[in-house]
Structures are given as structure tokens and as C-alpha cells.
C-alpha atoms as a PDB file:
ATOM      1  CA  MET A   1     -31.057  -2.890 -23.254  1.00  0.00           C
ATOM      2  CA  ASP A   2     -31.681  -0.684 -20.217  1.00  0.00           C
ATOM      3  CA  GLU A   3     -31.099  -3.678 -17.951  1.00  0.00           C
ATOM      4  CA  LEU A   4     -27.674  -4.264 -19.484  1.00  0.00           C
ATOM      5  CA  GLN A   5     -26.800  -0.619 -18.879  1.00  0.00           C
ATOM      6  CA  LYS A   6     -27.655  -1.011 -15.181  1.00  0.00           C
ATOM      7  CA  GLU A   7     -25.573  -4.188 -14.928  1.00  0.00           C
ATOM      8  CA  TYR A   8     -22.639  -2.588 -16.743  1.00  0.00           C
ATOM      9  CA  THR A   9     -22.783   0.481 -14.493  1.00  0.00           C
ATOM     10  CA  LEU A  10     -22.916  -1.689 -11.380  1.00  0.00           C
ATOM     11  CA  LEU A  11     -19.948  -3.770 -12.547  1.00  0.00           C
ATOM     12  CA  PHE A  12     -17.935  -0.751 -13.707  1.00  0.00           C
ATOM     13  CA  ASN A  13     -18.443   1.084 -10.410  1.00  0.00           C
ATOM     14  CA  GLY A  14     -17.563  -2.023  -8.405  1.00  0.00           C
ATOM     15  CA  ILE A  15     -14.369  -2.550 -10.366  1.00  0.00           C
ATOM     16  CA  THR A  16     -13.428   1.125 -10.072  1.00  0.00           C
ATOM     17  CA  ASP A  17     -14.000   1.110  -6.310  1.00  0.00           C
ATOM     18  CA  THR A  18     -11.935  -2.066  -5.933  1.00  0.00           C
ATOM     19  CA  ILE A  19      -9.046  -0.659  -7.976  1.00  0.00           C
ATOM     20  CA  GLN A  20      -9.027   2.514  -5.870  1.00  0.00           C
ATOM     21  CA  SER A  21      -9.050   0.472  -2.682  1.00  0.00           C
ATOM     22  CA  LEU A  22      -6.149  -1.651  -3.915  1.00  0.00           C
ATOM     23  CA  GLU A  23      -4.179   1.465  -4.869  1.00  0.00           C
ATOM     24  CA  ARG A  24      -4.655   2.873  -1.352  1.00  0.00           C
ATOM     25  CA  THR A  25      -3.539  -0.465   0.105  1.00  0.00           C
ATOM     26  CA  ILE A  26      -0.423  -0.433  -2.087  1.00  0.00           C
ATOM     27  CA  GLN A  27       0.403   3.084  -0.889  1.00  0.00           C
ATOM     28  CA  ARG A  28       0.014   2.003   2.747  1.00  0.00           C
ATOM     29  CA  LEU A  29       2.197  -1.051   2.199  1.00  0.00           C
ATOM     30  CA  ARG A  30       4.905   1.030   0.531  1.00  0.00           C
ATOM     31  CA  ALA A  31       4.870   3.505   3.417  1.00  0.00           C
ATOM     32  CA  LEU A  32       5.143   0.658   5.929  1.00  0.00           C
ATOM     33  CA  GLN A  33       7.977  -0.912   3.979  1.00  0.00           C
ATOM     34  CA  GLN A  34       9.864   2.388   3.891  1.00  0.00           C
ATOM     35  CA  LYS A  35       9.331   2.886   7.619  1.00  0.00           C
ATOM     36  CA  ALA A  36      10.526  -0.651   8.389  1.00  0.00           C
ATOM     37  CA  GLU A  37      13.585  -0.186   6.187  1.00  0.00           C
ATOM     38  CA  ALA A  38      14.392   3.110   7.911  1.00  0.00           C
ATOM     39  CA  MET A  39      14.073   1.398  11.293  1.00  0.00           C
ATOM     40  CA  CYS A  40      16.458  -1.346  10.165  1.00  0.00           C
ATOM     41  CA  VAL A  41      18.992   1.161   8.889  1.00  0.00           C
ATOM     42  CA  ASP A  42      18.745   3.188  12.103  1.00  0.00           C
ATOM     43  CA  GLY A  43      19.073  -0.006  14.137  1.00  0.00           C
ATOM     44  CA  ASP A  44      22.162  -1.035  12.172  1.00  0.00           C
ATOM     45  CA  ASP A  45      23.766   2.321  12.955  1.00  0.00           C
ATOM     46  CA  GLU A  46      23.081   1.857  16.667  1.00  0.00           C
ATOM     47  CA  ASP A  47      24.595  -1.637  16.608  1.00  0.00           C
ATOM     48  CA  GLU A  48      27.770  -0.308  14.950  1.00  0.00           C
ATOM     49  CA  ASP A  49      28.016   2.499  17.534  1.00  0.00           C
ATOM     50  CA  LYS A  50      27.824  -0.052  20.347  1.00  0.00           C
ATOM     51  CA  MET A  51      30.591  -2.135  18.765  1.00  0.00           C
ATOM     52  CA  HIS A  52      32.931   0.877  18.459  1.00  0.00           C
ATOM     53  CA  ALA A  53      32.283   2.211  21.953  1.00  0.00           C
END
């Protein structure tokens, strides 16, 4: 029974660590997406300014 407890703890901790890592990756990807979208919007504004100048 003690051996199963060790295996369960190992598996549980590994899954928890992986979930946390994936959540951090998702946050980074969202931040990058927002930055890229902001760059596109800013770039669109510059293109329109050039056309009206």
C-alpha cells in the first residue's frame, strides 16, 4: 500500500507541475498575441496616415 502512495504522489506532483507549466505558457502566448495585435493595429494607423498625407 505504501508503494502505491509513493506512485500516486509522484504522478500527482508531475501532473500538477505540468498543468502549471502549461498555464504559464498560455499566459505567455496570450501576451504575445496581444502585443502582435497591438503592433498590427498601430501599423494599420501608420499606413492610413501615409495614404492621407
